[in-house]
PDB file of N, CA and C in Angstrom:
ATOM      1  N   MET A   1      44.982  88.108  97.766  1.00  0.00           N
ATOM      2  CA  MET A   1      44.225  89.198  96.895  1.00  0.00           C
ATOM      3  C   MET A   1      45.230  88.809  95.565  1.00  0.00           C
ATOM      4  N   THR A   2      44.299  88.931  94.559  1.00  0.00           N
ATOM      5  CA  THR A   2      44.795  88.702  92.950  1.00  0.00           C
ATOM      6  C   THR A   2      45.644  89.862  92.416  1.00  0.00           C
ATOM      7  N   GLU A   3      46.363  89.542  91.637  1.00  0.00           N
ATOM      8  CA  GLU A   3      46.909  90.523  90.848  1.00  0.00           C
ATOM      9  C   GLU A   3      46.073  91.672  90.235  1.00  0.00           C
ATOM     10  N   ASP A   4      45.065  91.415  89.679  1.00  0.00           N
ATOM     11  CA  ASP A   4      44.173  92.307  89.326  1.00  0.00           C
ATOM     12  C   ASP A   4      43.495  93.132  90.392  1.00  0.00           C
ATOM     13  N   GLU A   5      43.348  92.510  91.774  1.00  0.00           N
ATOM     14  CA  GLU A   5      42.779  93.364  92.842  1.00  0.00           C
ATOM     15  C   GLU A   5      44.027  94.423  93.185  1.00  0.00           C
ATOM     16  N   ILE A   6      45.142  94.210  93.672  1.00  0.00           N
ATOM     17  CA  ILE A   6      46.264  94.941  93.654  1.00  0.00           C
ATOM     18  C   ILE A   6      46.139  95.819  92.769  1.00  0.00           C
ATOM     19  N   ASN A   7      46.323  95.652  91.293  1.00  0.00           N
ATOM     20  CA  ASN A   7      46.134  96.558  90.407  1.00  0.00           C
ATOM     21  C   ASN A   7      45.026  97.645  90.535  1.00  0.00           C
ATOM     22  N   GLU A   8      43.631  97.235  90.873  1.00  0.00           N
ATOM     23  CA  GLU A   8      42.838  97.984  91.041  1.00  0.00           C
ATOM     24  C   GLU A   8      42.957  98.951  92.283  1.00  0.00           C
ATOM     25  N   ILE A   9      43.696  98.321  93.273  1.00  0.00           N
ATOM     26  CA  ILE A   9      43.963  99.305  94.768  1.00  0.00           C
ATOM     27  C   ILE A   9      45.001 100.405  94.183  1.00  0.00           C
ATOM     28  N   LYS A  10      45.829  99.962  93.272  1.00  0.00           N
ATOM     29  CA  LYS A  10      47.217 100.988  92.973  1.00  0.00           C
ATOM     30  C   LYS A  10      46.421 102.112  92.487  1.00  0.00           C
ATOM     31  N   GLN A  11      45.069 101.842  91.686  1.00  0.00           N
ATOM     32  CA  GLN A  11      44.514 103.121  91.103  1.00  0.00           C
ATOM     33  C   GLN A  11      44.195 104.092  92.115  1.00  0.00           C
ATOM     34  N   PHE A  12      43.566 103.801  93.397  1.00  0.00           N
ATOM     35  CA  PHE A  12      43.408 104.564  94.426  1.00  0.00           C
ATOM     36  C   PHE A  12      44.604 105.372  95.235  1.00  0.00           C
ATOM     37  N   ILE A  13      45.706 104.923  94.942  1.00  0.00           N
ATOM     38  CA  ILE A  13      46.554 105.760  95.589  1.00  0.00           C
ATOM     39  C   ILE A  13      46.712 106.947  95.713  1.00  0.00           C
ATOM     40  N   PRO A  14      46.689 107.578  94.519  1.00  0.00           N
ATOM     41  CA  PRO A  14      46.694 108.905  94.289  1.00  0.00           C
ATOM     42  C   PRO A  14      45.615 109.650  94.934  1.00  0.00           C
ATOM     43  N   GLN A  15      44.454 109.248  94.997  1.00  0.00           N
ATOM     44  CA  GLN A  15      43.331 109.872  95.746  1.00  0.00           C
ATOM     45  C   GLN A  15      43.487 109.338  97.328  1.00  0.00           C
ATOM     46  N   ALA A  16      44.048 108.481  97.459  1.00  0.00           N
ATOM     47  CA  ALA A  16      44.229 108.290  98.914  1.00  0.00           C
ATOM     48  C   ALA A  16      45.483 109.405  99.495  1.00  0.00           C
ATOM     49  N   LEU A  17      46.244 109.366  98.906  1.00  0.00           N
ATOM     50  CA  LEU A  17      47.162 110.196  99.372  1.00  0.00           C
ATOM     51  C   LEU A  17      46.901 111.896  99.447  1.00  0.00           C
ATOM     52  N   GLN A  18      45.746 112.111  98.509  1.00  0.00           N
ATOM     53  CA  GLN A  18      45.117 113.675  98.582  1.00  0.00           C
ATOM     54  C   GLN A  18      44.136 113.507  99.812  1.00  0.00           C
ATOM     55  N   ALA A  19      43.538 112.409 100.302  1.00  0.00           N
ATOM     56  CA  ALA A  19      42.880 112.481 101.147  1.00  0.00           C
ATOM     57  C   ALA A  19      43.487 112.356 102.999  1.00  0.00           C
ATOM     58  N   VAL A  20      44.722 112.051 102.802  1.00  0.00           N
ATOM     59  CA  VAL A  20      45.321 112.070 104.322  1.00  0.00           C
ATOM     60  C   VAL A  20      46.305 113.415 104.656  1.00  0.00           C
ATOM     61  N   PRO A  21      45.651 113.802 105.936  1.00  0.00           N
ATOM     62  CA  PRO A  21      46.018 115.185 106.460  1.00  0.00           C
ATOM     63  C   PRO A  21      47.633 115.132 106.542  1.00  0.00           C
ATOM     64  N   THR A  22      48.024 113.960 106.837  1.00  0.00           N
ATOM     65  CA  THR A  22      49.403 114.010 106.804  1.00  0.00           C
ATOM     66  C   THR A  22      50.166 112.567 106.380  1.00  0.00           C
ATOM     67  N   LEU A  23      51.117 113.270 105.664  1.00  0.00           N
ATOM     68  CA  LEU A  23      51.864 112.498 104.655  1.00  0.00           C
ATOM     69  C   LEU A  23      53.239 112.257 104.777  1.00  0.00           C
ATOM     70  N   VAL A  24      54.067 111.725 105.186  1.00  0.00           N
ATOM     71  CA  VAL A  24      55.408 111.814 105.788  1.00  0.00           C
ATOM     72  C   VAL A  24      56.194 110.630 104.766  1.00  0.00           C
ATOM     73  N   ILE A  25      57.310 111.584 104.306  1.00  0.00           N
ATOM     74  CA  ILE A  25      58.042 110.651 102.900  1.00  0.00           C
ATOM     75  C   ILE A  25      59.567 110.499 103.444  1.00  0.00           C
ATOM     76  N   ALA A  26      59.909 109.424 103.330  1.00  0.00           N
ATOM     77  CA  ALA A  26      61.008 108.827 103.725  1.00  0.00           C
ATOM     78  C   ALA A  26      62.133 108.918 102.619  1.00  0.00           C
ATOM     79  N   VAL A  27      63.367 109.669 102.728  1.00  0.00           N
ATOM     80  CA  VAL A  27      64.297 109.510 101.407  1.00  0.00           C
ATOM     81  C   VAL A  27      65.428 109.127 102.212  1.00  0.00           C
ATOM     82  N   ASN A  28      66.338 108.394 100.927  1.00  0.00           N
ATOM     83  CA  ASN A  28      67.411 107.715 101.449  1.00  0.00           C
ATOM     84  C   ASN A  28      68.689 108.861 101.084  1.00  0.00           C
ATOM     85  N   ASP A  29      69.838 108.313 101.360  1.00  0.00           N
ATOM     86  CA  ASP A  29      71.443 109.297 101.651  1.00  0.00           C
ATOM     87  C   ASP A  29      71.379 110.371 100.285  1.00  0.00           C
ATOM     88  N   VAL A  30      70.911 109.854  99.392  1.00  0.00           N
ATOM     89  CA  VAL A  30      70.876 110.781  98.109  1.00  0.00           C
ATOM     90  C   VAL A  30      69.396 111.467  97.441  1.00  0.00           C
ATOM     91  N   GLU A  31      68.824 111.487  98.675  1.00  0.00           N
ATOM     92  CA  GLU A  31      67.201 112.290  98.899  1.00  0.00           C
ATOM     93  C   GLU A  31      66.186 111.418  97.693  1.00  0.00           C
ATOM     94  N   ILE A  32      66.518 110.338  97.429  1.00  0.00           N
ATOM     95  CA  ILE A  32      65.795 109.616  96.844  1.00  0.00           C
ATOM     96  C   ILE A  32      64.075 108.903  97.563  1.00  0.00           C
ATOM     97  N   PRO A  33      62.995 109.243  97.428  1.00  0.00           N
ATOM     98  CA  PRO A  33      62.033 108.898  98.270  1.00  0.00           C
ATOM     99  C   PRO A  33      62.110 107.197  98.169  1.00  0.00           C
ATOM    100  N   VAL A  34      62.158 106.348  99.337  1.00  0.00           N
ATOM    101  CA  VAL A  34      62.210 105.261  99.710  1.00  0.00           C
ATOM    102  C   VAL A  34      60.980 104.621 100.358  1.00  0.00           C
ATOM    103  N   GLY A  35      59.962 105.618 100.732  1.00  0.00           N
ATOM    104  CA  GLY A  35      58.820 105.093 101.642  1.00  0.00           C
ATOM    105  C   GLY A  35      57.935 106.312 102.134  1.00  0.00           C
ATOM    106  N   PHE A  36      56.866 105.699 102.551  1.00  0.00           N
ATOM    107  CA  PHE A  36      56.010 106.821 102.719  1.00  0.00           C
ATOM    108  C   PHE A  36      54.546 106.324 103.604  1.00  0.00           C
ATOM    109  N   MET A  37      54.268 107.247 104.461  1.00  0.00           N
ATOM    110  CA  MET A  37      53.148 106.959 104.895  1.00  0.00           C
ATOM    111  C   MET A  37      52.125 108.152 105.789  1.00  0.00           C
ATOM    112  N   GLY A  38      50.746 107.743 105.419  1.00  0.00           N
ATOM    113  CA  GLY A  38      49.873 109.007 105.761  1.00  0.00           C
ATOM    114  C   GLY A  38      49.131 108.402 106.916  1.00  0.00           C
ATOM    115  N   THR A  39      48.762 109.310 107.565  1.00  0.00           N
ATOM    116  CA  THR A  39      47.875 109.221 108.984  1.00  0.00           C
ATOM    117  C   THR A  39      46.582 110.301 108.893  1.00  0.00           C
ATOM    118  N   SER A  40      45.841 109.889 109.542  1.00  0.00           N
ATOM    119  CA  SER A  40      44.720 110.654 110.032  1.00  0.00           C
ATOM    120  C   SER A  40      44.234 110.690 111.282  1.00  0.00           C
ATOM    121  N   THR A  41      44.212 111.406 112.026  1.00  0.00           N
ATOM    122  CA  THR A  41      43.544 111.278 113.450  1.00  0.00           C
ATOM    123  C   THR A  41      43.570 110.086 114.141  1.00  0.00           C
ATOM    124  N   GLY A  42      44.645 109.915 114.244  1.00  0.00           N
ATOM    125  CA  GLY A  42      45.242 108.864 115.199  1.00  0.00           C
ATOM    126  C   GLY A  42      45.341 107.479 115.094  1.00  0.00           C
ATOM    127  N   GLU A  43      45.176 107.428 113.398  1.00  0.00           N
ATOM    128  CA  GLU A  43      45.201 106.117 112.646  1.00  0.00           C
ATOM    129  C   GLU A  43      46.386 105.979 111.450  1.00  0.00           C
ATOM    130  N   LEU A  44      47.033 104.854 111.322  1.00  0.00           N
ATOM    131  CA  LEU A  44      48.074 105.136 110.347  1.00  0.00           C
ATOM    132  C   LEU A  44      47.385 104.704 109.007  1.00  0.00           C
ATOM    133  N   GLU A  45      47.252 105.315 108.034  1.00  0.00           N
ATOM    134  CA  GLU A  45      46.063 105.068 107.058  1.00  0.00           C
ATOM    135  C   GLU A  45      46.873 104.143 106.205  1.00  0.00           C
ATOM    136  N   MET A  46      48.334 104.458 105.675  1.00  0.00           N
ATOM    137  CA  MET A  46      49.105 103.453 104.783  1.00  0.00           C
ATOM    138  C   MET A  46      50.643 103.947 105.006  1.00  0.00           C
ATOM    139  N   LEU A  47      51.354 102.735 104.575  1.00  0.00           N
ATOM    140  CA  LEU A  47      52.849 102.476 104.801  1.00  0.00           C
ATOM    141  C   LEU A  47      53.342 101.843 103.622  1.00  0.00           C
ATOM    142  N   PHE A  48      54.184 102.444 102.975  1.00  0.00           N
ATOM    143  CA  PHE A  48      54.920 101.636 101.875  1.00  0.00           C
ATOM    144  C   PHE A  48      56.038 101.878 102.040  1.00  0.00           C
ATOM    145  N   ILE A  49      56.959 100.763 101.934  1.00  0.00           N
ATOM    146  CA  ILE A  49      58.523 100.973 102.198  1.00  0.00           C
ATOM    147  C   ILE A  49      58.910 100.444 100.581  1.00  0.00           C
ATOM    148  N   ALA A  50      59.848 100.840  99.820  1.00  0.00           N
ATOM    149  CA  ALA A  50      60.329 100.249  98.627  1.00  0.00           C
ATOM    150  C   ALA A  50      61.154  99.015  99.067  1.00  0.00           C
ATOM    151  N   PRO A  51      60.904  97.873  98.079  1.00  0.00           N
ATOM    152  CA  PRO A  51      61.142  96.744  98.708  1.00  0.00           C
ATOM    153  C   PRO A  51      62.548  96.763  98.895  1.00  0.00           C
ATOM    154  N   ASP A  52      63.811  97.161  98.484  1.00  0.00           N
ATOM    155  CA  ASP A  52      64.793  97.312  98.457  1.00  0.00           C
ATOM    156  C   ASP A  52      65.390  97.879  99.698  1.00  0.00           C
ATOM    157  N   GLU A  53      64.551  98.519 100.213  1.00  0.00           N
ATOM    158  CA  GLU A  53      64.602  98.981 101.881  1.00  0.00           C
ATOM    159  C   GLU A  53      63.972  98.140 103.099  1.00  0.00           C
ATOM    160  N   TRP A  54      63.501  96.725 102.615  1.00  0.00           N
ATOM    161  CA  TRP A  54      62.806  96.026 103.569  1.00  0.00           C
ATOM    162  C   TRP A  54      63.844  95.400 104.576  1.00  0.00           C
ATOM    163  N   GLY A  55      63.583  95.292 105.314  1.00  0.00           N
ATOM    164  CA  GLY A  55      64.648  94.654 106.646  1.00  0.00           C
ATOM    165  C   GLY A  55      65.655  95.194 106.982  1.00  0.00           C
ATOM    166  N   LYS A  56      65.643  96.728 106.945  1.00  0.00           N
ATOM    167  CA  LYS A  56      66.506  97.879 106.938  1.00  0.00           C
ATOM    168  C   LYS A  56      66.597  98.706 108.655  1.00  0.00           C
ATOM    169  N   GLY A  57      64.893  98.470 108.962  1.00  0.00           N
ATOM    170  CA  GLY A  57      64.654  99.098 110.148  1.00  0.00           C
ATOM    171  C   GLY A  57      64.007 100.497 109.866  1.00  0.00           C
ATOM    172  N   LEU A  58      63.482 100.839 108.494  1.00  0.00           N
ATOM    173  CA  LEU A  58      62.863 102.220 108.150  1.00  0.00           C
ATOM    174  C   LEU A  58      61.577 102.013 108.385  1.00  0.00           C
ATOM    175  N   GLY A  59      60.694 100.987 108.388  1.00  0.00           N
ATOM    176  CA  GLY A  59      59.338 100.939 108.552  1.00  0.00           C
ATOM    177  C   GLY A  59      59.137 100.907 110.420  1.00  0.00           C
ATOM    178  N   LYS A  60      60.008 100.379 111.079  1.00  0.00           N
ATOM    179  CA  LYS A  60      60.127 100.479 112.489  1.00  0.00           C
ATOM    180  C   LYS A  60      60.188 102.013 112.756  1.00  0.00           C
ATOM    181  N   ARG A  61      61.376 102.633 112.039  1.00  0.00           N
ATOM    182  CA  ARG A  61      61.510 103.958 112.397  1.00  0.00           C
ATOM    183  C   ARG A  61      60.605 104.920 112.161  1.00  0.00           C
ATOM    184  N   MET A  62      59.780 104.426 110.698  1.00  0.00           N
ATOM    185  CA  MET A  62      58.396 105.303 110.634  1.00  0.00           C
ATOM    186  C   MET A  62      57.312 105.061 111.666  1.00  0.00           C
ATOM    187  N   VAL A  63      56.840 103.875 111.604  1.00  0.00           N
ATOM    188  CA  VAL A  63      55.945 103.792 113.101  1.00  0.00           C
ATOM    189  C   VAL A  63      56.275 104.003 114.011  1.00  0.00           C
ATOM    190  N   GLN A  64      57.445 104.201 114.673  1.00  0.00           N
ATOM    191  CA  GLN A  64      57.953 104.889 115.753  1.00  0.00           C
ATOM    192  C   GLN A  64      57.405 106.226 115.902  1.00  0.00           C
ATOM    193  N   TYR A  65      58.098 106.683 114.666  1.00  0.00           N
ATOM    194  CA  TYR A  65      57.658 108.514 114.668  1.00  0.00           C
ATOM    195  C   TYR A  65      56.222 108.744 114.598  1.00  0.00           C
ATOM    196  N   CYS A  66      55.246 107.863 114.109  1.00  0.00           N
ATOM    197  CA  CYS A  66      53.912 108.177 113.985  1.00  0.00           C
ATOM    198  C   CYS A  66      53.540 107.844 115.018  1.00  0.00           C
ATOM    199  N   ILE A  67      54.067 107.072 115.864  1.00  0.00           N
ATOM    200  CA  ILE A  67      53.230 107.042 117.574  1.00  0.00           C
ATOM    201  C   ILE A  67      53.548 108.123 118.465  1.00  0.00           C
ATOM    202  N   ARG A  68      54.822 108.307 118.179  1.00  0.00           N
ATOM    203  CA  ARG A  68      55.442 109.070 119.043  1.00  0.00           C
ATOM    204  C   ARG A  68      55.306 110.530 118.691  1.00  0.00           C
ATOM    205  N   GLU A  69      55.128 111.101 117.468  1.00  0.00           N
ATOM    206  CA  GLU A  69      55.012 112.461 117.142  1.00  0.00           C
ATOM    207  C   GLU A  69      53.468 112.673 116.407  1.00  0.00           C
ATOM    208  N   LEU A  70      52.952 111.957 115.939  1.00  0.00           N
ATOM    209  CA  LEU A  70      51.694 112.118 115.192  1.00  0.00           C
ATOM    210  C   LEU A  70      50.536 111.384 116.159  1.00  0.00           C
ATOM    211  N   CYS A  71      50.702 110.995 117.122  1.00  0.00           N
ATOM    212  CA  CYS A  71      49.620 110.597 118.292  1.00  0.00           C
ATOM    213  C   CYS A  71      48.876 109.256 117.493  1.00  0.00           C
ATOM    214  N   VAL A  72      49.603 108.331 116.523  1.00  0.00           N
ATOM    215  CA  VAL A  72      48.457 107.511 116.032  1.00  0.00           C
ATOM    216  C   VAL A  72      48.526 106.259 117.121  1.00  0.00           C
ATOM    217  N   ARG A  73      47.229 105.824 116.844  1.00  0.00           N
ATOM    218  CA  ARG A  73      47.238 104.519 117.902  1.00  0.00           C
ATOM    219  C   ARG A  73      46.686 103.518 117.163  1.00  0.00           C
ATOM    220  N   GLU A  74      45.959 103.378 115.715  1.00  0.00           N
ATOM    221  CA  GLU A  74      45.557 102.451 115.195  1.00  0.00           C
ATOM    222  C   GLU A  74      45.955 102.387 113.883  1.00  0.00           C
ATOM    223  N   VAL A  75      45.800 101.154 113.647  1.00  0.00           N
ATOM    224  CA  VAL A  75      46.086 100.821 111.930  1.00  0.00           C
ATOM    225  C   VAL A  75      45.410  99.190 111.845  1.00  0.00           C
ATOM    226  N   ASN A  76      44.765  99.454 110.177  1.00  0.00           N
ATOM    227  CA  ASN A  76      43.767  98.378 109.915  1.00  0.00           C
ATOM    228  C   ASN A  76      44.925  97.256 108.892  1.00  0.00           C
ATOM    229  N   VAL A  77      44.805  96.069 109.075  1.00  0.00           N
ATOM    230  CA  VAL A  77      45.707  95.277 108.279  1.00  0.00           C
ATOM    231  C   VAL A  77      44.793  94.012 107.615  1.00  0.00           C
ATOM    232  N   TYR A  78      45.149  93.809 106.315  1.00  0.00           N
ATOM    233  CA  TYR A  78      44.606  92.718 105.561  1.00  0.00           C
ATOM    234  C   TYR A  78      45.182  91.398 106.503  1.00  0.00           C
ATOM    235  N   GLU A  79      43.954  90.639 106.850  1.00  0.00           N
ATOM    236  CA  GLU A  79      44.235  89.508 107.541  1.00  0.00           C
ATOM    237  C   GLU A  79      45.110  88.743 107.056  1.00  0.00           C
ATOM    238  N   ASP A  80      45.142  88.313 105.372  1.00  0.00           N
ATOM    239  CA  ASP A  80      46.111  87.527 104.973  1.00  0.00           C
ATOM    240  C   ASP A  80      47.259  88.036 104.888  1.00  0.00           C
ATOM    241  N   ASN A  81      47.866  89.466 105.084  1.00  0.00           N
ATOM    242  CA  ASN A  81      49.091  89.656 104.926  1.00  0.00           C
ATOM    243  C   ASN A  81      49.784  89.646 106.281  1.00  0.00           C
ATOM    244  N   SER A  82      50.334  88.335 106.530  1.00  0.00           N
ATOM    245  CA  SER A  82      50.541  87.795 107.827  1.00  0.00           C
ATOM    246  C   SER A  82      51.755  88.646 107.884  1.00  0.00           C
ATOM    247  N   LYS A  83      52.653  89.187 107.072  1.00  0.00           N
ATOM    248  CA  LYS A  83      53.861  89.628 107.057  1.00  0.00           C
ATOM    249  C   LYS A  83      53.592  91.447 107.834  1.00  0.00           C
ATOM    250  N   ALA A  84      52.691  91.994 107.607  1.00  0.00           N
ATOM    251  CA  ALA A  84      52.141  93.232 107.920  1.00  0.00           C
ATOM    252  C   ALA A  84      51.783  93.051 109.440  1.00  0.00           C
ATOM    253  N   TYR A  85      50.507  91.885 109.419  1.00  0.00           N
ATOM    254  CA  TYR A  85      50.515  91.898 110.873  1.00  0.00           C
ATOM    255  C   TYR A  85      51.546  91.416 111.639  1.00  0.00           C
ATOM    256  N   GLY A  86      52.397  90.638 111.536  1.00  0.00           N
ATOM    257  CA  GLY A  86      53.275  90.278 112.239  1.00  0.00           C
ATOM    258  C   GLY A  86      54.340  91.517 112.810  1.00  0.00           C
ATOM    259  N   PHE A  87      54.492  92.426 111.892  1.00  0.00           N
ATOM    260  CA  PHE A  87      55.278  93.781 111.973  1.00  0.00           C
ATOM    261  C   PHE A  87      54.561  94.611 113.049  1.00  0.00           C
ATOM    262  N   TYR A  88      53.374  94.770 112.980  1.00  0.00           N
ATOM    263  CA  TYR A  88      52.626  95.763 113.676  1.00  0.00           C
ATOM    264  C   TYR A  88      52.337  95.204 115.048  1.00  0.00           C
ATOM    265  N   GLU A  89      52.383  93.668 115.205  1.00  0.00           N
ATOM    266  CA  GLU A  89      52.398  93.010 116.462  1.00  0.00           C
ATOM    267  C   GLU A  89      53.878  93.551 116.896  1.00  0.00           C
ATOM    268  N   LYS A  90      54.854  93.503 116.054  1.00  0.00           N
ATOM    269  CA  LYS A  90      56.403  93.602 117.090  1.00  0.00           C
ATOM    270  C   LYS A  90      56.296  95.172 117.480  1.00  0.00           C
ATOM    271  N   MET A  91      55.748  96.132 116.653  1.00  0.00           N
ATOM    272  CA  MET A  91      55.713  97.241 117.137  1.00  0.00           C
ATOM    273  C   MET A  91      54.754  97.674 118.384  1.00  0.00           C
ATOM    274  N   GLY A  92      53.878  96.826 118.601  1.00  0.00           N
ATOM    275  CA  GLY A  92      53.368  96.924 120.089  1.00  0.00           C
ATOM    276  C   GLY A  92      51.638  97.024 120.069  1.00  0.00           C
ATOM    277  N   PHE A  93      51.397  96.547 118.472  1.00  0.00           N
ATOM    278  CA  PHE A  93      49.887  96.582 118.469  1.00  0.00           C
ATOM    279  C   PHE A  93      49.121  95.240 118.413  1.00  0.00           C
ATOM    280  N   VAL A  94      47.873  95.359 118.925  1.00  0.00           N
ATOM    281  CA  VAL A  94      47.235  94.263 119.515  1.00  0.00           C
ATOM    282  C   VAL A  94      45.890  94.204 118.466  1.00  0.00           C
ATOM    283  N   SER A  95      45.186  93.019 118.086  1.00  0.00           N
ATOM    284  CA  SER A  95      44.201  93.028 117.410  1.00  0.00           C
ATOM    285  C   SER A  95      42.866  93.399 118.380  1.00  0.00           C
ATOM    286  N   TYR A  96      41.685  94.044 117.887  1.00  0.00           N
ATOM    287  CA  TYR A  96      40.529  94.248 118.802  1.00  0.00           C
ATOM    288  C   TYR A  96      39.414  94.130 117.814  1.00  0.00           C
ATOM    289  N   LYS A  97      39.535  94.062 116.766  1.00  0.00           N
ATOM    290  CA  LYS A  97      38.141  93.949 115.669  1.00  0.00           C
ATOM    291  C   LYS A  97      38.642  93.296 114.672  1.00  0.00           C
ATOM    292  N   ARG A  98      37.525  92.485 113.933  1.00  0.00           N
ATOM    293  CA  ARG A  98      37.805  92.009 112.603  1.00  0.00           C
ATOM    294  C   ARG A  98      36.956  92.306 111.606  1.00  0.00           C
ATOM    295  N   SER A  99      36.687  92.435 110.646  1.00  0.00           N
ATOM    296  CA  SER A  99      35.754  92.621 109.504  1.00  0.00           C
ATOM    297  C   SER A  99      35.987  91.778 108.482  1.00  0.00           C
ATOM    298  N   ALA A 100      34.761  91.156 108.141  1.00  0.00           N
ATOM    299  CA  ALA A 100      34.780  90.095 106.932  1.00  0.00           C
ATOM    300  C   ALA A 100      35.162  90.766 105.623  1.00  0.00           C
ATOM    301  N   HIS A 101      35.139  92.143 105.409  1.00  0.00           N
ATOM    302  CA  HIS A 101      35.287  92.657 104.323  1.00  0.00           C
ATOM    303  C   HIS A 101      36.150  93.842 104.261  1.00  0.00           C
ATOM    304  N   ASP A 102      36.652  94.385 102.854  1.00  0.00           N
ATOM    305  CA  ASP A 102      37.430  95.523 103.022  1.00  0.00           C
ATOM    306  C   ASP A 102      36.567  96.579 102.824  1.00  0.00           C
ATOM    307  N   GLU A 103      37.126  97.560 102.912  1.00  0.00           N
ATOM    308  CA  GLU A 103      36.581  99.051 102.569  1.00  0.00           C
ATOM    309  C   GLU A 103      35.763  99.153 101.000  1.00  0.00           C
ATOM    310  N   GLN A 104      36.011  98.477 100.287  1.00  0.00           N
ATOM    311  CA  GLN A 104      35.318  98.200  98.871  1.00  0.00           C
ATOM    312  C   GLN A 104      34.257  97.506  98.876  1.00  0.00           C
ATOM    313  N   GLY A 105      34.099  96.654  99.932  1.00  0.00           N
ATOM    314  CA  GLY A 105      33.440  95.624 100.221  1.00  0.00           C
ATOM    315  C   GLY A 105      33.711  94.236  99.729  1.00  0.00           C
ATOM    316  N   ARG A 106      34.875  93.946  99.156  1.00  0.00           N
ATOM    317  CA  ARG A 106      35.321  92.878  98.876  1.00  0.00           C
ATOM    318  C   ARG A 106      35.605  91.843  99.943  1.00  0.00           C
ATOM    319  N   PRO A 107      35.511  90.604  99.868  1.00  0.00           N
ATOM    320  CA  PRO A 107      35.688  89.478 100.801  1.00  0.00           C
ATOM    321  C   PRO A 107      37.209  89.565 101.198  1.00  0.00           C
ATOM    322  N   HIS A 108      37.805  90.518 101.110  1.00  0.00           N
ATOM    323  CA  HIS A 108      39.198  90.343 102.323  1.00  0.00           C
ATOM    324  C   HIS A 108      39.404  90.896 103.378  1.00  0.00           C
ATOM    325  N   PRO A 109      39.020  90.112 104.458  1.00  0.00           N
ATOM    326  CA  PRO A 109      39.008  90.512 106.146  1.00  0.00           C
ATOM    327  C   PRO A 109      40.111  91.257 106.243  1.00  0.00           C
ATOM    328  N   ILE A 110      39.740  92.226 107.065  1.00  0.00           N
ATOM    329  CA  ILE A 110      40.636  93.205 107.511  1.00  0.00           C
ATOM    330  C   ILE A 110      40.692  92.987 109.277  1.00  0.00           C
ATOM    331  N   VAL A 111      41.782  93.081 109.750  1.00  0.00           N
ATOM    332  CA  VAL A 111      42.076  93.317 111.073  1.00  0.00           C
ATOM    333  C   VAL A 111      42.070  94.585 111.628  1.00  0.00           C
ATOM    334  N   TYR A 112      41.695  95.140 112.613  1.00  0.00           N
ATOM    335  CA  TYR A 112      41.760  96.536 113.601  1.00  0.00           C
ATOM    336  C   TYR A 112      42.511  96.482 114.548  1.00  0.00           C
ATOM    337  N   MET A 113      43.610  96.839 114.612  1.00  0.00           N
ATOM    338  CA  MET A 113      44.917  96.863 115.812  1.00  0.00           C
ATOM    339  C   MET A 113      44.912  98.339 116.296  1.00  0.00           C
ATOM    340  N   LYS A 114      45.395  98.045 117.921  1.00  0.00           N
ATOM    341  CA  LYS A 114      45.693  99.378 118.546  1.00  0.00           C
ATOM    342  C   LYS A 114      47.084  98.921 119.137  1.00  0.00           C
ATOM    343  N   VAL A 115      47.764  99.991 119.166  1.00  0.00           N
ATOM    344  CA  VAL A 115      48.785 100.116 119.961  1.00  0.00           C
ATOM    345  C   VAL A 115      48.919 100.231 121.453  1.00  0.00           C
ATOM    346  N   ILE A 116      49.426  99.175 122.240  1.00  0.00           N
ATOM    347  CA  ILE A 116      49.035  98.972 123.588  1.00  0.00           C
ATOM    348  C   ILE A 116      50.387  99.497 124.425  1.00  0.00           C
ATOM    349  N   TYR A 117      50.920 100.458 123.623  1.00  0.00           N
ATOM    350  CA  TYR A 117      51.868 101.274 124.696  1.00  0.00           C
ATOM    351  C   TYR A 117      52.151 102.764 124.020  1.00  0.00           C
ATOM    352  N   GLN A 118      52.301 103.503 124.996  1.00  0.00           N
ATOM    353  CA  GLN A 118      52.338 105.131 124.620  1.00  0.00           C
ATOM    354  C   GLN A 118      53.746 105.477 124.430  1.00  0.00           C
TER     355      GLN A 118
END
């Protein structure tokens, strides 16, 4: 994705946050938000972790929580986001479908994934 496309998507985040029925916010030891995820009826809609927190297990703990406590079974990932795709594979998700365009109709393929364990 181009920088302009990323900035365009950022504009939708406030609206997307209001649209998810469940929003989970992770805070650090001094109560500063360092990550959040939004879920909707069995689907992980969004997961964002502050770059300073990458590689520390926070994303893993959040996804485990949403699988265990929120009954999340699906997630959609941009096909060219190999880091996210690999992360969700490690978390037990497998791809089952692909779309050639994203939700806004842009030519950014989406991979649909389901968790393979309960």
